[in-house]
Amino acid sequence: QFGLQRKQIMFTFSHNHCGPRLGD
């Protein structure tokens, strides 16, 4: 959609244990 490559996106998560499950 936006032409951004893998190196251009960093997806961080806080590791919060009072948040929901995701995927596998």
mmCIF file of all heavy atoms, coordinates in Angstrom:
data_MODEL
# 
_entry.id   MODEL 
# 
loop_
_atom_site.group_PDB 
_atom_site.id 
_atom_site.type_symbol 
_atom_site.label_atom_id 
_atom_site.label_alt_id 
_atom_site.label_comp_id 
_atom_site.label_asym_id 
_atom_site.label_entity_id 
_atom_site.label_seq_id 
_atom_site.pdbx_PDB_ins_code 
_atom_site.Cartn_x 
_atom_site.Cartn_y 
_atom_site.Cartn_z 
_atom_site.occupancy 
_atom_site.B_iso_or_equiv 
_atom_site.pdbx_formal_charge 
_atom_site.auth_seq_id 
_atom_site.auth_comp_id 
_atom_site.auth_asym_id 
_atom_site.auth_atom_id 
_atom_site.pdbx_PDB_model_num 
ATOM 1   N N   . GLN A 1 1  ? 0.797  -1.226  0.000  1.00 0.00 ? 1  GLN A N   1 
ATOM 2   C CA  . GLN A 1 1  ? 0.000  0.000   0.000  1.00 0.00 ? 1  GLN A CA  1 
ATOM 3   C C   . GLN A 1 1  ? 0.829  1.275   0.000  1.00 0.00 ? 1  GLN A C   1 
ATOM 4   O O   . GLN A 1 1  ? 0.447  2.269   -0.618 1.00 0.00 ? 1  GLN A O   1 
ATOM 5   C CB  . GLN A 1 1  ? -0.940 0.015   1.213  1.00 0.00 ? 1  GLN A CB  1 
ATOM 6   C CG  . GLN A 1 1  ? -2.036 -1.034  1.152  1.00 0.00 ? 1  GLN A CG  1 
ATOM 7   C CD  . GLN A 1 1  ? -3.098 -0.829  2.215  1.00 0.00 ? 1  GLN A CD  1 
ATOM 8   O OE1 . GLN A 1 1  ? -3.412 0.307   2.578  1.00 0.00 ? 1  GLN A OE1 1 
ATOM 9   N NE2 . GLN A 1 1  ? -3.667 -1.914  2.721  1.00 0.00 ? 1  GLN A NE2 1 
ATOM 10  N N   . PHE A 1 2  ? 1.977  1.237   0.704  1.00 0.00 ? 2  PHE A N   1 
ATOM 11  C CA  . PHE A 1 2  ? 2.735  2.477   0.890  1.00 0.00 ? 2  PHE A CA  1 
ATOM 12  C C   . PHE A 1 2  ? 4.171  2.400   0.386  1.00 0.00 ? 2  PHE A C   1 
ATOM 13  O O   . PHE A 1 2  ? 4.907  3.385   0.469  1.00 0.00 ? 2  PHE A O   1 
ATOM 14  C CB  . PHE A 1 2  ? 2.733  2.874   2.374  1.00 0.00 ? 2  PHE A CB  1 
ATOM 15  C CG  . PHE A 1 2  ? 1.354  2.940   2.965  1.00 0.00 ? 2  PHE A CG  1 
ATOM 16  C CD1 . PHE A 1 2  ? 0.942  2.033   3.920  1.00 0.00 ? 2  PHE A CD1 1 
ATOM 17  C CD2 . PHE A 1 2  ? 0.447  3.904   2.547  1.00 0.00 ? 2  PHE A CD2 1 
ATOM 18  C CE1 . PHE A 1 2  ? -0.333 2.071   4.456  1.00 0.00 ? 2  PHE A CE1 1 
ATOM 19  C CE2 . PHE A 1 2  ? -0.837 3.969   3.077  1.00 0.00 ? 2  PHE A CE2 1 
ATOM 20  C CZ  . PHE A 1 2  ? -1.226 3.044   4.039  1.00 0.00 ? 2  PHE A CZ  1 
ATOM 21  N N   . GLY A 1 3  ? 4.586  1.234   -0.117 1.00 0.00 ? 3  GLY A N   1 
ATOM 22  C CA  . GLY A 1 3  ? 5.918  1.106   -0.678 1.00 0.00 ? 3  GLY A CA  1 
ATOM 23  C C   . GLY A 1 3  ? 7.042  1.080   0.335  1.00 0.00 ? 3  GLY A C   1 
ATOM 24  O O   . GLY A 1 3  ? 8.209  1.251   -0.027 1.00 0.00 ? 3  GLY A O   1 
ATOM 25  N N   . LEU A 1 4  ? 6.731  0.864   1.606  1.00 0.00 ? 4  LEU A N   1 
ATOM 26  C CA  . LEU A 1 4  ? 7.773  0.822   2.632  1.00 0.00 ? 4  LEU A CA  1 
ATOM 27  C C   . LEU A 1 4  ? 8.372  -0.572  2.727  1.00 0.00 ? 4  LEU A C   1 
ATOM 28  O O   . LEU A 1 4  ? 7.659  -1.570  2.767  1.00 0.00 ? 4  LEU A O   1 
ATOM 29  C CB  . LEU A 1 4  ? 7.205  1.230   3.993  1.00 0.00 ? 4  LEU A CB  1 
ATOM 30  C CG  . LEU A 1 4  ? 6.681  2.667   4.114  1.00 0.00 ? 4  LEU A CG  1 
ATOM 31  C CD1 . LEU A 1 4  ? 6.254  2.946   5.542  1.00 0.00 ? 4  LEU A CD1 1 
ATOM 32  C CD2 . LEU A 1 4  ? 7.714  3.689   3.664  1.00 0.00 ? 4  LEU A CD2 1 
ATOM 33  N N   . GLN A 1 5  ? 9.694  -0.631  2.781  1.00 0.00 ? 5  GLN A N   1 
ATOM 34  C CA  . GLN A 1 5  ? 10.408 -1.894  2.856  1.00 0.00 ? 5  GLN A CA  1 
ATOM 35  C C   . GLN A 1 5  ? 10.506 -2.370  4.313  1.00 0.00 ? 5  GLN A C   1 
ATOM 36  O O   . GLN A 1 5  ? 10.249 -1.618  5.253  1.00 0.00 ? 5  GLN A O   1 
ATOM 37  C CB  . GLN A 1 5  ? 11.807 -1.751  2.249  1.00 0.00 ? 5  GLN A CB  1 
ATOM 38  C CG  . GLN A 1 5  ? 11.814 -1.252  0.822  1.00 0.00 ? 5  GLN A CG  1 
ATOM 39  C CD  . GLN A 1 5  ? 11.108 -2.201  -0.129 1.00 0.00 ? 5  GLN A CD  1 
ATOM 40  O OE1 . GLN A 1 5  ? 11.316 -3.411  -0.069 1.00 0.00 ? 5  GLN A OE1 1 
ATOM 41  N NE2 . GLN A 1 5  ? 10.265 -1.660  -1.005 1.00 0.00 ? 5  GLN A NE2 1 
ATOM 42  N N   . ARG A 1 6  ? 10.933 -3.606  4.456  1.00 0.00 ? 6  ARG A N   1 
ATOM 43  C CA  . ARG A 1 6  ? 11.024 -4.228  5.788  1.00 0.00 ? 6  ARG A CA  1 
ATOM 44  C C   . ARG A 1 6  ? 11.877 -3.413  6.747  1.00 0.00 ? 6  ARG A C   1 
ATOM 45  O O   . ARG A 1 6  ? 11.555 -3.286  7.925  1.00 0.00 ? 6  ARG A O   1 
ATOM 46  C CB  . ARG A 1 6  ? 11.603 -5.640  5.622  1.00 0.00 ? 6  ARG A CB  1 
ATOM 47  C CG  . ARG A 1 6  ? 11.642 -6.466  6.883  1.00 0.00 ? 6  ARG A CG  1 
ATOM 48  C CD  . ARG A 1 6  ? 10.246 -6.879  7.329  1.00 0.00 ? 6  ARG A CD  1 
ATOM 49  N NE  . ARG A 1 6  ? 10.331 -7.740  8.482  1.00 0.00 ? 6  ARG A NE  1 
ATOM 50  C CZ  . ARG A 1 6  ? 10.577 -7.343  9.719  1.00 0.00 ? 6  ARG A CZ  1 
ATOM 51  N NH1 . ARG A 1 6  ? 10.752 -6.053  9.959  1.00 0.00 ? 6  ARG A NH1 1 
ATOM 52  N NH2 . ARG A 1 6  ? 10.628 -8.196  10.707 1.00 0.00 ? 6  ARG A NH2 1 
ATOM 53  N N   . LYS A 1 7  ? 12.976 -2.849  6.247  1.00 0.00 ? 7  LYS A N   1 
ATOM 54  C CA  . LYS A 1 7  ? 13.889 -2.108  7.118  1.00 0.00 ? 7  LYS A CA  1 
ATOM 55  C C   . LYS A 1 7  ? 13.285 -0.802  7.616  1.00 0.00 ? 7  LYS A C   1 
ATOM 56  O O   . LYS A 1 7  ? 13.798 -0.203  8.575  1.00 0.00 ? 7  LYS A O   1 
ATOM 57  C CB  . LYS A 1 7  ? 15.192 -1.809  6.379  1.00 0.00 ? 7  LYS A CB  1 
ATOM 58  C CG  . LYS A 1 7  ? 15.057 -0.838  5.207  1.00 0.00 ? 7  LYS A CG  1 
ATOM 59  C CD  . LYS A 1 7  ? 16.397 -0.591  4.525  1.00 0.00 ? 7  LYS A CD  1 
ATOM 60  C CE  . LYS A 1 7  ? 16.266 0.393   3.370  1.00 0.00 ? 7  LYS A CE  1 
ATOM 61  N NZ  . LYS A 1 7  ? 17.579 0.633   2.724  1.00 0.00 ? 7  LYS A NZ  1 
ATOM 62  N N   . GLN A 1 8  ? 12.188 -0.372  7.001  1.00 0.00 ? 8  GLN A N   1 
ATOM 63  C CA  . GLN A 1 8  ? 11.617 0.929   7.339  1.00 0.00 ? 8  GLN A CA  1 
ATOM 64  C C   . GLN A 1 8  ? 10.547 0.862   8.427  1.00 0.00 ? 8  GLN A C   1 
ATOM 65  O O   . GLN A 1 8  ? 10.047 1.901   8.849  1.00 0.00 ? 8  GLN A O   1 
ATOM 66  C CB  . GLN A 1 8  ? 11.013 1.568   6.076  1.00 0.00 ? 8  GLN A CB  1 
ATOM 67  C CG  . GLN A 1 8  ? 12.034 1.915   5.018  1.00 0.00 ? 8  GLN A CG  1 
ATOM 68  C CD  . GLN A 1 8  ? 11.384 2.404   3.736  1.00 0.00 ? 8  GLN A CD  1 
ATOM 69  O OE1 . GLN A 1 8  ? 11.075 1.628   2.835  1.00 0.00 ? 8  GLN A OE1 1 
ATOM 70  N NE2 . GLN A 1 8  ? 11.148 3.704   3.655  1.00 0.00 ? 8  GLN A NE2 1 
ATOM 71  N N   . ILE A 1 9  ? 10.202 -0.336  8.876  1.00 0.00 ? 9  ILE A N   1 
ATOM 72  C CA  . ILE A 1 9  ? 9.141  -0.479  9.881  1.00 0.00 ? 9  ILE A CA  1 
ATOM 73  C C   . ILE A 1 9  ? 9.639  -1.321  11.046 1.00 0.00 ? 9  ILE A C   1 
ATOM 74  O O   . ILE A 1 9  ? 10.140 -2.430  10.854 1.00 0.00 ? 9  ILE A O   1 
ATOM 75  C CB  . ILE A 1 9  ? 7.893  -1.161  9.299  1.00 0.00 ? 9  ILE A CB  1 
ATOM 76  C CG1 . ILE A 1 9  ? 7.490  -0.524  7.971  1.00 0.00 ? 9  ILE A CG1 1 
ATOM 77  C CG2 . ILE A 1 9  ? 6.732  -1.083  10.286 1.00 0.00 ? 9  ILE A CG2 1 
ATOM 78  C CD1 . ILE A 1 9  ? 6.419  -1.304  7.252  1.00 0.00 ? 9  ILE A CD1 1 
ATOM 79  N N   . MET A 1 10 ? 9.491  -0.792  12.252 1.00 0.00 ? 10 MET A N   1 
ATOM 80  C CA  . MET A 1 10 ? 9.817  -1.529  13.469 1.00 0.00 ? 10 MET A CA  1 
ATOM 81  C C   . MET A 1 10 ? 8.552  -1.617  14.321 1.00 0.00 ? 10 MET A C   1 
ATOM 82  O O   . MET A 1 10 ? 7.985  -0.592  14.688 1.00 0.00 ? 10 MET A O   1 
ATOM 83  C CB  . MET A 1 10 ? 10.942 -0.830  14.245 1.00 0.00 ? 10 MET A CB  1 
ATOM 84  C CG  . MET A 1 10 ? 11.610 -1.696  15.306 1.00 0.00 ? 10 MET A CG  1 
ATOM 85  S SD  . MET A 1 10 ? 12.822 -0.788  16.334 1.00 0.00 ? 10 MET A SD  1 
ATOM 86  C CE  . MET A 1 10 ? 13.889 -0.040  15.110 1.00 0.00 ? 10 MET A CE  1 
ATOM 87  N N   . PHE A 1 11 ? 8.125  -2.832  14.610 1.00 0.00 ? 11 PHE A N   1 
ATOM 88  C CA  . PHE A 1 11 ? 6.853  -3.065  15.312 1.00 0.00 ? 11 PHE A CA  1 
ATOM 89  C C   . PHE A 1 11 ? 7.178  -3.534  16.729 1.00 0.00 ? 11 PHE A C   1 
ATOM 90  O O   . PHE A 1 11 ? 7.464  -4.697  16.965 1.00 0.00 ? 11 PHE A O   1 
ATOM 91  C CB  . PHE A 1 11 ? 6.053  -4.127  14.562 1.00 0.00 ? 11 PHE A CB  1 
ATOM 92  C CG  . PHE A 1 11 ? 4.592  -4.205  14.937 1.00 0.00 ? 11 PHE A CG  1 
ATOM 93  C CD1 . PHE A 1 11 ? 3.668  -4.721  14.033 1.00 0.00 ? 11 PHE A CD1 1 
ATOM 94  C CD2 . PHE A 1 11 ? 4.113  -3.779  16.174 1.00 0.00 ? 11 PHE A CD2 1 
ATOM 95  C CE1 . PHE A 1 11 ? 2.319  -4.812  14.350 1.00 0.00 ? 11 PHE A CE1 1 
ATOM 96  C CE2 . PHE A 1 11 ? 2.776  -3.849  16.503 1.00 0.00 ? 11 PHE A CE2 1 
ATOM 97  C CZ  . PHE A 1 11 ? 1.870  -4.376  15.574 1.00 0.00 ? 11 PHE A CZ  1 
ATOM 98  N N   . THR A 1 12 ? 7.111  -2.626  17.699 1.00 0.00 ? 12 THR A N   1 
ATOM 99  C CA  . THR A 1 12 ? 7.469  -2.976  19.074 1.00 0.00 ? 12 THR A CA  1 
ATOM 100 C C   . THR A 1 12 ? 6.222  -3.225  19.910 1.00 0.00 ? 12 THR A C   1 
ATOM 101 O O   . THR A 1 12 ? 5.131  -2.735  19.610 1.00 0.00 ? 12 THR A O   1 
ATOM 102 C CB  . THR A 1 12 ? 8.319  -1.883  19.744 1.00 0.00 ? 12 THR A CB  1 
ATOM 103 O OG1 . THR A 1 12 ? 7.504  -0.738  20.032 1.00 0.00 ? 12 THR A OG1 1 
ATOM 104 C CG2 . THR A 1 12 ? 9.482  -1.478  18.852 1.00 0.00 ? 12 THR A CG2 1 
ATOM 105 N N   . PHE A 1 13 ? 6.402  -3.992  20.985 1.00 0.00 ? 13 PHE A N   1 
ATOM 106 C CA  . PHE A 1 13 ? 5.320  -4.285  21.918 1.00 0.00 ? 13 PHE A CA  1 
ATOM 107 C C   . PHE A 1 13 ? 5.894  -4.239  23.327 1.00 0.00 ? 13 PHE A C   1 
ATOM 108 O O   . PHE A 1 13 ? 7.017  -4.650  23.584 1.00 0.00 ? 13 PHE A O   1 
ATOM 109 C CB  . PHE A 1 13 ? 4.682  -5.645  21.621 1.00 0.00 ? 13 PHE A CB  1 
ATOM 110 C CG  . PHE A 1 13 ? 5.650  -6.737  21.262 1.00 0.00 ? 13 PHE A CG  1 
ATOM 111 C CD1 . PHE A 1 13 ? 6.127  -7.613  22.223 1.00 0.00 ? 13 PHE A CD1 1 
ATOM 112 C CD2 . PHE A 1 13 ? 6.107  -6.884  19.953 1.00 0.00 ? 13 PHE A CD2 1 
ATOM 113 C CE1 . PHE A 1 13 ? 7.027  -8.623  21.897 1.00 0.00 ? 13 PHE A CE1 1 
ATOM 114 C CE2 . PHE A 1 13 ? 7.007  -7.893  19.618 1.00 0.00 ? 13 PHE A CE2 1 
ATOM 115 C CZ  . PHE A 1 13 ? 7.469  -8.761  20.587 1.00 0.00 ? 13 PHE A CZ  1 
ATOM 116 N N   . SER A 1 14 ? 5.108  -3.717  24.257 1.00 0.00 ? 14 SER A N   1 
ATOM 117 C CA  . SER A 1 14 ? 5.626  -3.481  25.607 1.00 0.00 ? 14 SER A CA  1 
ATOM 118 C C   . SER A 1 14 ? 5.810  -4.765  26.401 1.00 0.00 ? 14 SER A C   1 
ATOM 119 O O   . SER A 1 14 ? 6.518  -4.796  27.389 1.00 0.00 ? 14 SER A O   1 
ATOM 120 C CB  . SER A 1 14 ? 4.688  -2.546  26.376 1.00 0.00 ? 14 SER A CB  1 
ATOM 121 O OG  . SER A 1 14 ? 3.474  -3.207  26.704 1.00 0.00 ? 14 SER A OG  1 
ATOM 122 N N   . HIS A 1 15 ? 5.158  -5.853  25.979 1.00 0.00 ? 15 HIS A N   1 
ATOM 123 C CA  . HIS A 1 15 ? 5.138  -7.134  26.688 1.00 0.00 ? 15 HIS A CA  1 
ATOM 124 C C   . HIS A 1 15 ? 4.235  -7.066  27.922 1.00 0.00 ? 15 HIS A C   1 
ATOM 125 O O   . HIS A 1 15 ? 4.456  -7.736  28.924 1.00 0.00 ? 15 HIS A O   1 
ATOM 126 C CB  . HIS A 1 15 ? 6.554  -7.577  27.062 1.00 0.00 ? 15 HIS A CB  1 
ATOM 127 C CG  . HIS A 1 15 ? 6.661  -9.013  27.494 1.00 0.00 ? 15 HIS A CG  1 
ATOM 128 N ND1 . HIS A 1 15 ? 6.118  -10.048 26.776 1.00 0.00 ? 15 HIS A ND1 1 
ATOM 129 C CD2 . HIS A 1 15 ? 7.253  -9.588  28.578 1.00 0.00 ? 15 HIS A CD2 1 
ATOM 130 C CE1 . HIS A 1 15 ? 6.374  -11.191 27.392 1.00 0.00 ? 15 HIS A CE1 1 
ATOM 131 N NE2 . HIS A 1 15 ? 7.051  -10.943 28.485 1.00 0.00 ? 15 HIS A NE2 1 
ATOM 132 N N   . ASN A 1 16 ? 3.207  -6.268  27.808 1.00 0.00 ? 16 ASN A N   1 
ATOM 133 C CA  . ASN A 1 16 ? 2.215  -6.090  28.861 1.00 0.00 ? 16 ASN A CA  1 
ATOM 134 C C   . ASN A 1 16 ? 1.408  -7.368  29.077 1.00 0.00 ? 16 ASN A C   1 
ATOM 135 O O   . ASN A 1 16 ? 0.790  -7.894  28.168 1.00 0.00 ? 16 ASN A O   1 
ATOM 136 C CB  . ASN A 1 16 ? 1.289  -4.939  28.440 1.00 0.00 ? 16 ASN A CB  1 
ATOM 137 C CG  . ASN A 1 16 ? 0.029  -4.860  29.242 1.00 0.00 ? 16 ASN A CG  1 
ATOM 138 O OD1 . ASN A 1 16 ? 0.040  -5.071  30.450 1.00 0.00 ? 16 ASN A OD1 1 
ATOM 139 N ND2 . ASN A 1 16 ? -1.075 -4.558  28.571 1.00 0.00 ? 16 ASN A ND2 1 
ATOM 140 N N   . HIS A 1 17 ? 1.392  -7.861  30.329 1.00 0.00 ? 17 HIS A N   1 
ATOM 141 C CA  . HIS A 1 17 ? 0.690  -9.107  30.638 1.00 0.00 ? 17 HIS A CA  1 
ATOM 142 C C   . HIS A 1 17 ? -0.789 -8.910  30.979 1.00 0.00 ? 17 HIS A C   1 
ATOM 143 O O   . HIS A 1 17 ? -1.472 -9.864  31.351 1.00 0.00 ? 17 HIS A O   1 
ATOM 144 C CB  . HIS A 1 17 ? 1.387  -9.830  31.790 1.00 0.00 ? 17 HIS A CB  1 
ATOM 145 C CG  . HIS A 1 17 ? 2.672  -10.498 31.383 1.00 0.00 ? 17 HIS A CG  1 
ATOM 146 N ND1 . HIS A 1 17 ? 3.558  -9.938  30.498 1.00 0.00 ? 17 HIS A ND1 1 
ATOM 147 C CD2 . HIS A 1 17 ? 3.221  -11.687 31.742 1.00 0.00 ? 17 HIS A CD2 1 
ATOM 148 C CE1 . HIS A 1 17 ? 4.595  -10.753 30.335 1.00 0.00 ? 17 HIS A CE1 1 
ATOM 149 N NE2 . HIS A 1 17 ? 4.410  -11.819 31.077 1.00 0.00 ? 17 HIS A NE2 1 
ATOM 150 N N   . CYS A 1 18 ? -1.269 -7.683  30.872 1.00 0.00 ? 18 CYS A N   1 
ATOM 151 C CA  . CYS A 1 18 ? -2.699 -7.424  31.027 1.00 0.00 ? 18 CYS A CA  1 
ATOM 152 C C   . CYS A 1 18 ? -3.288 -6.963  29.695 1.00 0.00 ? 18 CYS A C   1 
ATOM 153 O O   . CYS A 1 18 ? -4.248 -6.184  29.654 1.00 0.00 ? 18 CYS A O   1 
ATOM 154 C CB  . CYS A 1 18 ? -2.946 -6.379  32.114 1.00 0.00 ? 18 CYS A CB  1 
ATOM 155 S SG  . CYS A 1 18 ? -2.704 -7.026  33.782 1.00 0.00 ? 18 CYS A SG  1 
ATOM 156 N N   . GLY A 1 19 ? -2.692 -7.449  28.609 1.00 0.00 ? 19 GLY A N   1 
ATOM 157 C CA  . GLY A 1 19 ? -3.196 -7.208  27.271 1.00 0.00 ? 19 GLY A CA  1 
ATOM 158 C C   . GLY A 1 19 ? -3.594 -8.528  26.625 1.00 0.00 ? 19 GLY A C   1 
ATOM 159 O O   . GLY A 1 19 ? -3.324 -9.606  27.151 1.00 0.00 ? 19 GLY A O   1 
ATOM 160 N N   . PRO A 1 20 ? -4.225 -8.489  25.450 1.00 0.00 ? 20 PRO A N   1 
ATOM 161 C CA  . PRO A 1 20 ? -4.835 -9.682  24.848 1.00 0.00 ? 20 PRO A CA  1 
ATOM 162 C C   . PRO A 1 20 ? -3.838 -10.574 24.106 1.00 0.00 ? 20 PRO A C   1 
ATOM 163 O O   . PRO A 1 20 ? -2.771 -10.141 23.672 1.00 0.00 ? 20 PRO A O   1 
ATOM 164 C CB  . PRO A 1 20 ? -5.830 -9.081  23.863 1.00 0.00 ? 20 PRO A CB  1 
ATOM 165 C CG  . PRO A 1 20 ? -5.214 -7.771  23.483 1.00 0.00 ? 20 PRO A CG  1 
ATOM 166 C CD  . PRO A 1 20 ? -4.535 -7.263  24.714 1.00 0.00 ? 20 PRO A CD  1 
ATOM 167 N N   . ARG A 1 21 ? -4.215 -11.829 23.941 1.00 0.00 ? 21 ARG A N   1 
ATOM 168 C CA  . ARG A 1 21 ? -3.475 -12.779 23.119 1.00 0.00 ? 21 ARG A CA  1 
ATOM 169 C C   . ARG A 1 21 ? -3.561 -12.380 21.652 1.00 0.00 ? 21 ARG A C   1 
ATOM 170 O O   . ARG A 1 21 ? -4.539 -11.760 21.218 1.00 0.00 ? 21 ARG A O   1 
ATOM 171 C CB  . ARG A 1 21 ? -4.037 -14.188 23.297 1.00 0.00 ? 21 ARG A CB  1 
ATOM 172 C CG  . ARG A 1 21 ? -3.852 -14.796 24.669 1.00 0.00 ? 21 ARG A CG  1 
ATOM 173 C CD  . ARG A 1 21 ? -4.486 -16.184 24.719 1.00 0.00 ? 21 ARG A CD  1 
ATOM 174 N NE  . ARG A 1 21 ? -3.956 -17.030 23.635 1.00 0.00 ? 21 ARG A NE  1 
ATOM 175 C CZ  . ARG A 1 21 ? -4.677 -17.927 22.960 1.00 0.00 ? 21 ARG A CZ  1 
ATOM 176 N NH1 . ARG A 1 21 ? -5.954 -18.092 23.243 1.00 0.00 ? 21 ARG A NH1 1 
ATOM 177 N NH2 . ARG A 1 21 ? -4.122 -18.646 22.007 1.00 0.00 ? 21 ARG A NH2 1 
ATOM 178 N N   . LEU A 1 22 ? -2.545 -12.802 20.890 1.00 0.00 ? 22 LEU A N   1 
ATOM 179 C CA  . LEU A 1 22 ? -2.523 -12.541 19.456 1.00 0.00 ? 22 LEU A CA  1 
ATOM 180 C C   . LEU A 1 22 ? -2.030 -13.781 18.711 1.00 0.00 ? 22 LEU A C   1 
ATOM 181 O O   . LEU A 1 22 ? -1.004 -14.373 19.076 1.00 0.00 ? 22 LEU A O   1 
ATOM 182 C CB  . LEU A 1 22 ? -1.589 -11.381 19.123 1.00 0.00 ? 22 LEU A CB  1 
ATOM 183 C CG  . LEU A 1 22 ? -2.094 -9.961  19.411 1.00 0.00 ? 22 LEU A CG  1 
ATOM 184 C CD1 . LEU A 1 22 ? -0.951 -8.968  19.287 1.00 0.00 ? 22 LEU A CD1 1 
ATOM 185 C CD2 . LEU A 1 22 ? -3.225 -9.582  18.454 1.00 0.00 ? 22 LEU A CD2 1 
ATOM 186 N N   . GLY A 1 23 ? -2.736 -14.171 17.668 1.00 0.00 ? 23 GLY A N   1 
ATOM 187 C CA  . GLY A 1 23 ? -2.270 -15.212 16.772 1.00 0.00 ? 23 GLY A CA  1 
ATOM 188 C C   . GLY A 1 23 ? -1.798 -16.464 17.485 1.00 0.00 ? 23 GLY A C   1 
ATOM 189 O O   . GLY A 1 23 ? -2.434 -16.959 18.415 1.00 0.00 ? 23 GLY A O   1 
ATOM 190 N N   . ASP A 1 24 ? -0.642 -16.979 17.038 1.00 0.00 ? 24 ASP A N   1 
ATOM 191 C CA  . ASP A 1 24 ? -0.106 -18.209 17.622 1.00 0.00 ? 24 ASP A CA  1 
ATOM 192 C C   . ASP A 1 24 ? 0.968  -17.942 18.671 1.00 0.00 ? 24 ASP A C   1 
ATOM 193 O O   . ASP A 1 24 ? 1.711  -18.851 19.052 1.00 0.00 ? 24 ASP A O   1 
ATOM 194 C CB  . ASP A 1 24 ? 0.453  -19.116 16.516 1.00 0.00 ? 24 ASP A CB  1 
ATOM 195 C CG  . ASP A 1 24 ? 1.589  -18.464 15.738 1.00 0.00 ? 24 ASP A CG  1 
ATOM 196 O OD1 . ASP A 1 24 ? 1.937  -17.291 16.024 1.00 0.00 ? 24 ASP A OD1 1 
ATOM 197 O OD2 . ASP A 1 24 ? 2.139  -19.128 14.833 1.00 0.00 ? 24 ASP A OD2 1 
# 
